[in-house]
Amino acid sequence: MGAPLPPNKDDFTTVVSRPGISQEQFTKLMQTDDAIDIFGEITYHDSYGEKYETTFCLSHLFTGAIKYRKEGNGIN
């Protein structure tokens, strides 16, 4: 199952963590599947004023790929 993006569309963003992780710790995390996760929530309204919340969860893999996780993703 892939991320919910239209064909040929790329989305990019940057996520910043708290300071204090050493280069050694960072290298170890980057070499481990699912050691770095990104969770987020987007709140928005449609043209009728209905409120929606979309949550997402992504995980970094050792290969450098980003995994779209089944858990933590949804639209309310």
N, C-alpha and C. Protein backbone atom coordinates (compact mmCIF):
# COMPACT_ATOMS: atom_id res chain seq x y z
N MET A 1 0.85 -1.18 0.00
CA MET A 1 0.00 0.00 0.00
C MET A 1 0.89 1.24 0.00
N GLY A 2 0.68 2.11 -0.94
CA GLY A 2 1.49 3.32 -1.04
C GLY A 2 0.82 4.52 -0.39
N ALA A 3 1.55 5.60 -0.33
CA ALA A 3 1.02 6.84 0.23
C ALA A 3 -0.08 7.40 -0.67
N PRO A 4 -1.04 8.13 -0.12
CA PRO A 4 -2.15 8.64 -0.92
C PRO A 4 -1.77 9.88 -1.72
N LEU A 5 -1.01 9.71 -2.77
CA LEU A 5 -0.59 10.81 -3.63
C LEU A 5 -1.02 10.53 -5.06
N PRO A 6 -1.41 11.56 -5.80
CA PRO A 6 -1.71 11.36 -7.21
C PRO A 6 -0.46 10.89 -7.96
N PRO A 7 -0.63 10.21 -9.09
CA PRO A 7 0.52 9.76 -9.89
C PRO A 7 1.43 10.93 -10.26
N ASN A 8 2.72 10.69 -10.24
CA ASN A 8 3.73 11.69 -10.63
C ASN A 8 3.78 12.92 -9.74
N LYS A 9 3.31 12.83 -8.50
CA LYS A 9 3.35 13.96 -7.59
C LYS A 9 4.27 13.64 -6.42
N ASP A 10 5.19 14.55 -6.16
CA ASP A 10 6.09 14.41 -5.01
C ASP A 10 5.79 15.51 -4.01
N ASP A 11 5.77 15.19 -2.73
CA ASP A 11 5.62 16.16 -1.66
C ASP A 11 6.87 16.11 -0.80
N PHE A 12 7.37 17.27 -0.40
CA PHE A 12 8.56 17.34 0.43
C PHE A 12 8.31 18.26 1.61
N THR A 13 8.93 17.94 2.72
CA THR A 13 8.89 18.81 3.89
C THR A 13 10.08 18.47 4.79
N THR A 14 10.30 19.26 5.80
CA THR A 14 11.40 19.03 6.74
C THR A 14 10.82 18.93 8.15
N VAL A 15 11.32 17.99 8.92
CA VAL A 15 10.92 17.83 10.31
C VAL A 15 12.18 17.96 11.16
N VAL A 16 12.10 18.78 12.19
CA VAL A 16 13.25 19.04 13.05
C VAL A 16 13.01 18.40 14.42
N SER A 17 14.01 17.68 14.92
CA SER A 17 13.88 17.07 16.25
C SER A 17 14.52 17.97 17.29
N ARG A 18 14.29 17.60 18.53
CA ARG A 18 14.92 18.33 19.63
C ARG A 18 16.44 18.20 19.56
N PRO A 19 17.17 19.22 19.98
CA PRO A 19 18.64 19.12 20.00
C PRO A 19 19.10 18.08 21.01
N GLY A 20 20.31 17.60 20.83
CA GLY A 20 20.90 16.71 21.83
C GLY A 20 21.24 15.33 21.32
N ILE A 21 20.90 15.01 20.08
CA ILE A 21 21.26 13.70 19.53
C ILE A 21 22.67 13.82 18.93
N SER A 22 23.56 12.95 19.36
CA SER A 22 24.93 12.99 18.85
C SER A 22 24.98 12.43 17.43
N GLN A 23 26.06 12.72 16.73
CA GLN A 23 26.23 12.18 15.37
C GLN A 23 26.24 10.66 15.40
N GLU A 24 26.84 10.08 16.42
CA GLU A 24 26.88 8.62 16.56
C GLU A 24 25.47 8.04 16.72
N GLN A 25 24.66 8.66 17.57
CA GLN A 25 23.28 8.21 17.76
C GLN A 25 22.48 8.35 16.46
N PHE A 26 22.65 9.48 15.79
CA PHE A 26 21.94 9.73 14.54
C PHE A 26 22.30 8.69 13.50
N THR A 27 23.58 8.38 13.35
CA THR A 27 24.03 7.38 12.39
C THR A 27 23.42 6.03 12.69
N LYS A 28 23.39 5.65 13.98
CA LYS A 28 22.80 4.37 14.36
C LYS A 28 21.30 4.33 14.02
N LEU A 29 20.58 5.41 14.30
CA LEU A 29 19.16 5.49 13.99
C LEU A 29 18.92 5.38 12.49
N MET A 30 19.74 6.04 11.69
CA MET A 30 19.58 6.03 10.24
C MET A 30 19.87 4.66 9.65
N GLN A 31 20.60 3.82 10.36
CA GLN A 31 20.94 2.48 9.88
C GLN A 31 19.99 1.40 10.41
N THR A 32 18.87 1.83 11.02
CA THR A 32 17.92 0.90 11.62
C THR A 32 16.53 1.17 11.06
N ASP A 33 15.88 0.14 10.52
CA ASP A 33 14.50 0.29 10.03
C ASP A 33 13.56 0.71 11.15
N ASP A 34 12.69 1.64 10.85
CA ASP A 34 11.64 2.10 11.76
C ASP A 34 12.15 2.74 13.05
N ALA A 35 13.39 3.19 13.09
CA ALA A 35 13.92 3.84 14.29
C ALA A 35 13.51 5.30 14.36
N ILE A 36 13.16 5.88 13.21
CA ILE A 36 12.72 7.27 13.16
C ILE A 36 11.33 7.30 12.54
N ASP A 37 10.36 7.80 13.32
CA ASP A 37 8.99 7.93 12.85
C ASP A 37 8.59 9.40 12.87
N ILE A 38 7.70 9.75 11.98
CA ILE A 38 7.13 11.10 11.95
C ILE A 38 5.62 10.95 12.02
N PHE A 39 5.02 11.58 13.03
CA PHE A 39 3.58 11.59 13.20
C PHE A 39 3.10 13.02 13.03
N GLY A 40 1.96 13.20 12.40
CA GLY A 40 1.42 14.55 12.24
C GLY A 40 -0.08 14.55 12.11
N GLU A 41 -0.65 15.73 12.30
CA GLU A 41 -2.08 15.90 12.15
C GLU A 41 -2.33 17.21 11.42
N ILE A 42 -3.21 17.17 10.43
CA ILE A 42 -3.57 18.36 9.67
C ILE A 42 -5.06 18.58 9.89
N THR A 43 -5.43 19.78 10.32
CA THR A 43 -6.83 20.14 10.53
C THR A 43 -7.22 21.15 9.46
N TYR A 44 -8.36 20.93 8.82
CA TYR A 44 -8.79 21.83 7.74
C TYR A 44 -10.32 21.80 7.62
N HIS A 45 -10.86 22.75 6.86
CA HIS A 45 -12.30 22.88 6.65
C HIS A 45 -12.60 22.85 5.16
N ASP A 46 -13.74 22.25 4.79
CA ASP A 46 -14.14 22.27 3.38
C ASP A 46 -14.93 23.56 3.10
N SER A 47 -15.42 23.72 1.88
CA SER A 47 -16.11 24.95 1.49
C SER A 47 -17.45 25.12 2.19
N TYR A 48 -17.96 24.06 2.85
CA TYR A 48 -19.20 24.15 3.61
C TYR A 48 -18.95 24.39 5.10
N GLY A 49 -17.68 24.51 5.48
CA GLY A 49 -17.34 24.75 6.87
C GLY A 49 -17.18 23.49 7.70
N GLU A 50 -17.29 22.32 7.08
CA GLU A 50 -17.08 21.06 7.81
C GLU A 50 -15.60 20.92 8.18
N LYS A 51 -15.35 20.54 9.41
CA LYS A 51 -13.98 20.37 9.90
C LYS A 51 -13.51 18.93 9.67
N TYR A 52 -12.28 18.78 9.22
CA TYR A 52 -11.67 17.47 9.00
C TYR A 52 -10.30 17.44 9.67
N GLU A 53 -9.90 16.26 10.09
CA GLU A 53 -8.56 16.04 10.63
C GLU A 53 -7.96 14.84 9.92
N THR A 54 -6.78 15.02 9.41
CA THR A 54 -6.06 13.93 8.76
C THR A 54 -4.78 13.67 9.54
N THR A 55 -4.58 12.43 9.94
CA THR A 55 -3.35 12.07 10.64
C THR A 55 -2.47 11.24 9.70
N PHE A 56 -1.17 11.33 9.93
CA PHE A 56 -0.26 10.54 9.12
C PHE A 56 0.90 10.04 9.97
N CYS A 57 1.47 8.93 9.51
CA CYS A 57 2.62 8.34 10.19
C CYS A 57 3.56 7.79 9.12
N LEU A 58 4.79 8.23 9.13
CA LEU A 58 5.81 7.78 8.19
C LEU A 58 6.99 7.25 8.98
N SER A 59 7.73 6.34 8.39
CA SER A 59 8.87 5.72 9.07
C SER A 59 10.06 5.65 8.12
N HIS A 60 11.25 5.91 8.63
CA HIS A 60 12.48 5.86 7.84
C HIS A 60 13.03 4.43 7.82
N LEU A 61 13.43 3.98 6.63
CA LEU A 61 14.04 2.66 6.50
C LEU A 61 15.53 2.79 6.23
N PHE A 62 16.28 1.75 6.56
CA PHE A 62 17.73 1.72 6.39
C PHE A 62 18.15 2.06 4.96
N THR A 63 17.35 1.67 3.97
CA THR A 63 17.68 1.91 2.56
C THR A 63 17.57 3.38 2.18
N GLY A 64 16.96 4.20 3.06
CA GLY A 64 16.72 5.60 2.76
C GLY A 64 15.29 5.85 2.32
N ALA A 65 14.54 4.77 2.09
CA ALA A 65 13.15 4.90 1.69
C ALA A 65 12.30 5.34 2.88
N ILE A 66 11.15 5.93 2.58
CA ILE A 66 10.19 6.32 3.60
C ILE A 66 8.99 5.40 3.50
N LYS A 67 8.63 4.78 4.61
CA LYS A 67 7.50 3.84 4.64
C LYS A 67 6.25 4.57 5.13
N TYR A 68 5.17 4.41 4.38
CA TYR A 68 3.86 4.90 4.77
C TYR A 68 3.23 3.82 5.65
N ARG A 69 3.07 4.11 6.93
CA ARG A 69 2.59 3.11 7.88
C ARG A 69 1.07 3.01 7.86
N LYS A 70 0.55 1.79 8.04
CA LYS A 70 -0.89 1.61 8.13
C LYS A 70 -1.45 2.21 9.41
N GLU A 71 -0.71 2.09 10.51
CA GLU A 71 -1.14 2.62 11.80
C GLU A 71 -0.93 4.13 11.82
N GLY A 72 -1.83 4.85 12.45
CA GLY A 72 -1.64 6.27 12.64
C GLY A 72 -2.05 7.13 11.45
N ASN A 73 -2.66 6.55 10.44
CA ASN A 73 -3.11 7.31 9.28
C ASN A 73 -4.63 7.25 9.22
N GLY A 74 -5.25 8.39 9.02
CA GLY A 74 -6.70 8.38 8.93
C GLY A 74 -7.28 9.75 8.67
N ILE A 75 -8.53 9.77 8.24
CA ILE A 75 -9.25 11.01 8.02
C ILE A 75 -10.52 10.96 8.85
N ASN A 76 -10.75 12.02 9.63
CA ASN A 76 -11.96 12.14 10.45
C ASN A 76 -12.71 13.39 10.06
